[in-house]
C-alpha atoms as a PDB file:
ATOM      1  CA  MET A   1     159.724  91.638 251.032  1.00  0.00           C
ATOM      2  CA  PHE A   2     161.373  88.683 249.245  1.00  0.00           C
ATOM      3  CA  ARG A   3     158.458  88.501 246.879  1.00  0.00           C
ATOM      4  CA  ARG A   4     159.272  91.962 245.534  1.00  0.00           C
ATOM      5  CA  ILE A   5     162.905  91.093 244.819  1.00  0.00           C
ATOM      6  CA  PRO A   6     162.151  88.752 241.895  1.00  0.00           C
ATOM      7  CA  VAL A   7     159.811  91.354 240.382  1.00  0.00           C
ATOM      8  CA  ILE A   8     162.402  94.115 240.789  1.00  0.00           C
ATOM      9  CA  PHE A   9     165.096  91.794 239.405  1.00  0.00           C
ATOM     10  CA  ILE A  10     162.990  90.950 236.349  1.00  0.00           C
ATOM     11  CA  VAL A  11     162.275  94.639 235.696  1.00  0.00           C
ATOM     12  CA  PHE A  12     165.982  95.404 236.053  1.00  0.00           C
ATOM     13  CA  VAL A  13     166.957  92.627 233.630  1.00  0.00           C
ATOM     14  CA  LEU A  14     164.367  93.820 231.102  1.00  0.00           C
ATOM     15  CA  MET A  15     165.669  97.398 231.296  1.00  0.00           C
ATOM     16  CA  VAL A  16     169.292  96.315 230.831  1.00  0.00           C
ATOM     17  CA  THR A  17     168.338  94.036 227.933  1.00  0.00           C
ATOM     18  CA  SER A  18     166.364  96.751 226.161  1.00  0.00           C
ATOM     19  CA  CYS A  19     169.273  99.192 226.520  1.00  0.00           C
ATOM     20  CA  ALA A  20     171.658  96.554 225.210  1.00  0.00           C
ATOM     21  CA  ASN A  21     169.360  95.875 222.257  1.00  0.00           C
ATOM     22  CA  GLN A  22     169.303  99.590 221.404  1.00  0.00           C
ATOM     23  CA  ASN A  23     173.090  99.704 221.478  1.00  0.00           C
ATOM     24  CA  LEU A  24     173.254  96.524 219.425  1.00  0.00           C
ATOM     25  CA  GLU A  25     170.941  98.012 216.790  1.00  0.00           C
ATOM     26  CA  LYS A  26     173.052 101.210 216.676  1.00  0.00           C
ATOM     27  CA  ASN A  27     176.214  99.138 216.301  1.00  0.00           C
ATOM     28  CA  LEU A  28     174.636  97.038 213.541  1.00  0.00           C
ATOM     29  CA  GLU A  29     173.558 100.200 211.692  1.00  0.00           C
ATOM     30  CA  GLU A  30     177.099 101.596 211.934  1.00  0.00           C
ATOM     31  CA  LEU A  31     178.541  98.336 210.616  1.00  0.00           C
ATOM     32  CA  ASP A  32     175.929  98.341 207.836  1.00  0.00           C
ATOM     33  CA  LYS A  33     177.404 101.643 206.651  1.00  0.00           C
ATOM     34  CA  VAL A  34     180.858 100.072 206.502  1.00  0.00           C
ATOM     35  CA  TYR A  35     180.044  96.640 205.038  1.00  0.00           C
ATOM     36  CA  GLY A  36     176.575  97.122 203.584  1.00  0.00           C
ATOM     37  CA  ARG A  37     173.513  95.606 205.239  1.00  0.00           C
ATOM     38  CA  CYS A  38     173.743  92.267 203.462  1.00  0.00           C
ATOM     39  CA  ASP A  39     177.499  91.767 203.881  1.00  0.00           C
ATOM     40  CA  ASN A  40     177.666  92.837 207.528  1.00  0.00           C
ATOM     41  CA  PRO A  41     179.437  89.921 209.255  1.00  0.00           C
ATOM     42  CA  HIS A  42     177.432  90.545 212.443  1.00  0.00           C
ATOM     43  CA  ARG A  43     174.100  89.906 210.743  1.00  0.00           C
ATOM     44  CA  GLN A  44     173.121  86.280 210.483  1.00  0.00           C
ATOM     45  CA  TYR A  45     171.472  85.505 207.134  1.00  0.00           C
ATOM     46  CA  GLY A  46     170.684  82.150 205.632  1.00  0.00           C
ATOM     47  CA  GLU A  47     171.457  81.581 201.962  1.00  0.00           C
ATOM     48  CA  VAL A  48     167.962  82.521 200.748  1.00  0.00           C
ATOM     49  CA  GLU A  49     167.712  85.520 203.096  1.00  0.00           C
ATOM     50  CA  TYR A  50     171.101  86.748 201.873  1.00  0.00           C
ATOM     51  CA  ARG A  51     170.040  86.517 198.202  1.00  0.00           C
ATOM     52  CA  ILE A  52     166.802  88.380 198.963  1.00  0.00           C
ATOM     53  CA  CYS A  53     168.761  91.048 200.837  1.00  0.00           C
ATOM     54  CA  LYS A  54     171.182  91.462 197.894  1.00  0.00           C
ATOM     55  CA  ASP A  55     168.269  91.683 195.429  1.00  0.00           C
ATOM     56  CA  LYS A  56     166.620  94.383 197.537  1.00  0.00           C
ATOM     57  CA  GLU A  57     169.945  96.193 197.811  1.00  0.00           C
ATOM     58  CA  ARG A  58     170.377  96.187 194.024  1.00  0.00           C
ATOM     59  CA  ALA A  59     166.788  97.333 193.463  1.00  0.00           C
ATOM     60  CA  ARG A  60     167.015 100.189 195.966  1.00  0.00           C
ATOM     61  CA  SER A  61     167.662 103.584 194.465  1.00  0.00           C
ATOM     62  CA  ASP A  62     168.791 106.486 196.593  1.00  0.00           C
ATOM     63  CA  SER A  63     168.403 108.951 193.738  1.00  0.00           C
ATOM     64  CA  GLU A  64     165.281 110.207 192.029  1.00  0.00           C
ATOM     65  CA  PRO A  65     163.484 107.851 189.625  1.00  0.00           C
ATOM     66  CA  PHE A  66     164.743 107.654 186.042  1.00  0.00           C
ATOM     67  CA  ASN A  67     162.877 109.997 183.701  1.00  0.00           C
ATOM     68  CA  ILE A  68     163.155 108.900 180.069  1.00  0.00           C
ATOM     69  CA  SER A  69     161.902 112.251 178.720  1.00  0.00           C
ATOM     70  CA  LYS A  70     164.613 114.192 180.532  1.00  0.00           C
ATOM     71  CA  PHE A  71     167.195 111.649 179.414  1.00  0.00           C
ATOM     72  CA  LEU A  72     166.206 111.961 175.747  1.00  0.00           C
ATOM     73  CA  GLU A  73     166.101 115.756 175.939  1.00  0.00           C
ATOM     74  CA  GLY A  74     169.608 115.750 177.355  1.00  0.00           C
ATOM     75  CA  LYS A  75     170.830 113.381 174.639  1.00  0.00           C
ATOM     76  CA  SER A  76     169.531 115.457 171.741  1.00  0.00           C
ATOM     77  CA  SER A  77     170.934 118.699 173.164  1.00  0.00           C
ATOM     78  CA  ASN A  78     174.303 117.100 173.920  1.00  0.00           C
ATOM     79  CA  ILE A  79     174.899 116.057 170.342  1.00  0.00           C
ATOM     80  CA  GLY A  80     173.802 119.374 168.908  1.00  0.00           C
ATOM     81  CA  ILE A  81     170.857 118.330 166.751  1.00  0.00           C
ATOM     82  CA  ALA A  82     167.173 119.059 166.829  1.00  0.00           C
ATOM     83  CA  PRO A  83     165.205 116.336 168.657  1.00  0.00           C
ATOM     84  CA  ASN A  84     163.070 115.486 165.586  1.00  0.00           C
ATOM     85  CA  ARG A  85     165.936 115.275 163.103  1.00  0.00           C
ATOM     86  CA  SER A  86     166.760 111.766 161.889  1.00  0.00           C
ATOM     87  CA  MET A  87     170.103 110.177 162.759  1.00  0.00           C
ATOM     88  CA  VAL A  88     169.884 107.925 159.666  1.00  0.00           C
ATOM     89  CA  ASN A  89     171.598 108.655 156.374  1.00  0.00           C
ATOM     90  CA  GLN A  90     168.797 108.755 153.816  1.00  0.00           C
ATOM     91  CA  ASP A  91     170.987 107.489 150.969  1.00  0.00           C
ATOM     92  CA  LEU A  92     171.975 104.425 153.014  1.00  0.00           C
ATOM     93  CA  TRP A  93     168.341 103.927 154.038  1.00  0.00           C
ATOM     94  CA  ASN A  94     166.970 104.118 150.501  1.00  0.00           C
ATOM     95  CA  SER A  95     169.738 101.880 149.166  1.00  0.00           C
ATOM     96  CA  SER A  96     169.079  99.288 151.868  1.00  0.00           C
ATOM     97  CA  LEU A  97     165.425  99.166 150.900  1.00  0.00           C
ATOM     98  CA  SER A  98     166.352  98.957 147.232  1.00  0.00           C
ATOM     99  CA  VAL A  99     168.772  96.044 147.743  1.00  0.00           C
ATOM    100  CA  LEU A 100     166.227  94.147 149.853  1.00  0.00           C
ATOM    101  CA  ASP A 101     163.341  94.946 147.488  1.00  0.00           C
ATOM    102  CA  ASP A 102     163.000  91.309 146.353  1.00  0.00           C
ATOM    103  CA  TYR A 103     162.170  90.135 149.888  1.00  0.00           C
ATOM    104  CA  SER A 104     159.244  90.843 152.167  1.00  0.00           C
ATOM    105  CA  LEU A 105     160.188  92.982 155.144  1.00  0.00           C
ATOM    106  CA  LYS A 106     159.279  92.229 158.734  1.00  0.00           C
ATOM    107  CA  ILE A 107     160.681  95.498 160.144  1.00  0.00           C
ATOM    108  CA  ALA A 108     161.480  98.766 158.392  1.00  0.00           C
ATOM    109  CA  ASP A 109     162.177 101.498 160.960  1.00  0.00           C
ATOM    110  CA  ASN A 110     163.438 104.579 159.143  1.00  0.00           C
ATOM    111  CA  GLU A 111     163.945 106.619 162.333  1.00  0.00           C
ATOM    112  CA  GLY A 112     166.044 103.905 163.946  1.00  0.00           C
ATOM    113  CA  GLY A 113     167.650 102.887 160.669  1.00  0.00           C
ATOM    114  CA  TYR A 114     166.794  99.209 160.989  1.00  0.00           C
ATOM    115  CA  VAL A 115     165.546  96.809 158.311  1.00  0.00           C
ATOM    116  CA  GLU A 116     164.849  93.114 158.787  1.00  0.00           C
ATOM    117  CA  THR A 117     163.435  90.712 156.232  1.00  0.00           C
ATOM    118  CA  ASP A 118     160.971  87.944 156.885  1.00  0.00           C
ATOM    119  CA  TRP A 119     162.404  84.459 156.699  1.00  0.00           C
ATOM    120  CA  ILE A 120     163.577  83.628 153.178  1.00  0.00           C
ATOM    121  CA  TYR A 121     162.945  79.931 152.498  1.00  0.00           C
ATOM    122  CA  GLU A 122     164.890  77.732 150.112  1.00  0.00           C
ATOM    123  CA  ASN A 123     164.905  73.913 150.188  1.00  0.00           C
ATOM    124  CA  GLN A 124     165.403  72.807 153.800  1.00  0.00           C
ATOM    125  CA  SER A 125     166.858  76.094 155.054  1.00  0.00           C
ATOM    126  CA  ARG A 126     165.734  79.622 155.771  1.00  0.00           C
ATOM    127  CA  CYS A 127     167.608  82.899 156.238  1.00  0.00           C
ATOM    128  CA  LEU A 128     166.878  86.425 157.298  1.00  0.00           C
ATOM    129  CA  ILE A 129     168.806  89.602 156.615  1.00  0.00           C
ATOM    130  CA  LYS A 130     169.288  92.443 159.086  1.00  0.00           C
ATOM    131  CA  VAL A 131     170.587  95.871 158.107  1.00  0.00           C
ATOM    132  CA  GLN A 132     171.262  98.621 160.615  1.00  0.00           C
ATOM    133  CA  ILE A 133     172.292 102.136 159.654  1.00  0.00           C
ATOM    134  CA  ILE A 134     174.354 103.576 162.489  1.00  0.00           C
ATOM    135  CA  SER A 135     175.437 106.904 161.041  1.00  0.00           C
ATOM    136  CA  ALA A 136     173.925 110.085 159.688  1.00  0.00           C
ATOM    137  CA  GLU A 137     176.908 110.332 157.342  1.00  0.00           C
ATOM    138  CA  LEU A 138     177.573 108.369 154.183  1.00  0.00           C
ATOM    139  CA  ILE A 139     180.578 106.390 155.434  1.00  0.00           C
ATOM    140  CA  SER A 140     181.547 102.744 155.076  1.00  0.00           C
ATOM    141  CA  THR A 141     181.311 102.120 158.822  1.00  0.00           C
ATOM    142  CA  GLY A 142     177.835 103.660 158.971  1.00  0.00           C
ATOM    143  CA  LEU A 143     176.184 100.371 158.132  1.00  0.00           C
ATOM    144  CA  LYS A 144     175.992  96.923 159.723  1.00  0.00           C
ATOM    145  CA  THR A 145     174.618  93.854 157.974  1.00  0.00           C
ATOM    146  CA  LYS A 146     173.892  90.431 159.390  1.00  0.00           C
ATOM    147  CA  ILE A 147     172.686  87.234 157.751  1.00  0.00           C
ATOM    148  CA  LEU A 148     171.264  84.499 159.974  1.00  0.00           C
ATOM    149  CA  CYS A 149     170.314  81.089 158.622  1.00  0.00           C
ATOM    150  CA  GLN A 150     168.657  78.003 160.016  1.00  0.00           C
ATOM    151  CA  LYS A 151     168.179  74.490 158.722  1.00  0.00           C
ATOM    152  CA  ASN A 152     165.229  72.190 159.127  1.00  0.00           C
ATOM    153  CA  ASP A 153     166.073  69.194 161.260  1.00  0.00           C
ATOM    154  CA  ASN A 154     163.079  66.859 161.721  1.00  0.00           C
ATOM    155  CA  ASP A 155     160.574  69.741 161.551  1.00  0.00           C
ATOM    156  CA  LEU A 156     162.644  71.809 163.980  1.00  0.00           C
ATOM    157  CA  TRP A 157     164.488  74.953 162.855  1.00  0.00           C
ATOM    158  CA  VAL A 158     168.011  75.108 164.275  1.00  0.00           C
ATOM    159  CA  ASN A 159     170.748  77.661 163.654  1.00  0.00           C
ATOM    160  CA  ASP A 160     173.283  76.478 161.131  1.00  0.00           C
ATOM    161  CA  ASN A 161     176.076  78.235 163.102  1.00  0.00           C
ATOM    162  CA  ILE A 162     177.739  79.464 159.916  1.00  0.00           C
ATOM    163  CA  VAL A 163     179.157  82.980 159.841  1.00  0.00           C
ATOM    164  CA  TYR A 164     178.338  84.548 156.478  1.00  0.00           C
ATOM    165  CA  THR A 165     181.113  87.147 156.518  1.00  0.00           C
ATOM    166  CA  ASP A 166     181.688  87.270 152.740  1.00  0.00           C
ATOM    167  CA  GLU A 167     177.985  87.517 151.952  1.00  0.00           C
ATOM    168  CA  GLU A 168     177.529  90.243 154.581  1.00  0.00           C
ATOM    169  CA  LYS A 169     180.457  92.201 153.100  1.00  0.00           C
ATOM    170  CA  LYS A 170     178.996  91.897 149.594  1.00  0.00           C
ATOM    171  CA  LEU A 171     175.629  93.099 150.854  1.00  0.00           C
ATOM    172  CA  THR A 172     177.245  96.041 152.657  1.00  0.00           C
ATOM    173  CA  LEU A 173     179.293  96.986 149.600  1.00  0.00           C
ATOM    174  CA  ARG A 174     176.228  96.830 147.349  1.00  0.00           C
ATOM    175  CA  ILE A 175     174.250  99.112 149.662  1.00  0.00           C
ATOM    176  CA  LEU A 176     177.195 101.537 149.905  1.00  0.00           C
ATOM    177  CA  GLU A 177     177.628 101.517 146.132  1.00  0.00           C
ATOM    178  CA  LEU A 178     173.963 102.390 145.539  1.00  0.00           C
ATOM    179  CA  ALA A 179     174.020 105.019 148.293  1.00  0.00           C
ATOM    180  CA  SER A 180     177.079 106.652 146.763  1.00  0.00           C
ATOM    181  CA  LEU A 181     175.402 106.743 143.339  1.00  0.00           C
ATOM    182  CA  ASN A 182     172.228 108.241 144.857  1.00  0.00           C
ATOM    183  CA  ASN A 183     174.298 110.827 146.696  1.00  0.00           C
ATOM    184  CA  GLN A 184     176.097 111.846 143.499  1.00  0.00           C
ATOM    185  CA  LEU A 185     172.814 112.186 141.607  1.00  0.00           C
ATOM    186  CA  ASN A 186     171.351 114.493 144.248  1.00  0.00           C
END
């Protein structure tokens, strides 16, 4: 008879433990809703486990996957234009190309309104010019220009960290001037 008592006791302890574990899991899930799984103070995570948990939490998406086609369709209908119509002012575009005609171009995207020259070398420095048309209208704020230069330092090209504000303004004004003339001629 005494031999059965330890067996019955072990079975009893196992049953109580399993019930307690179920309640513990339910309690942890409820606290996860309040704090978030990773920040639940009753979960014991090491530093690496916590970072992995946070990464998984950020990557998890409860909504449907992002559909770029639906997004673009919604964008074109929201702004009231046909999807194939260009958002770039043609006078600004043509003037940008005309002003940069002396330089070879690395990028010329007429739909996105972006022009970038190849590196322009002179002595121990090189520069590139970026022009972005950000408006379908012929307005002074419809254009951004940027000049970036580097200098050669022991066969290594490093940024010269100079802001070419005056030169960028002159470039912008020249493009706007030509665009205005083109617009008047048309």
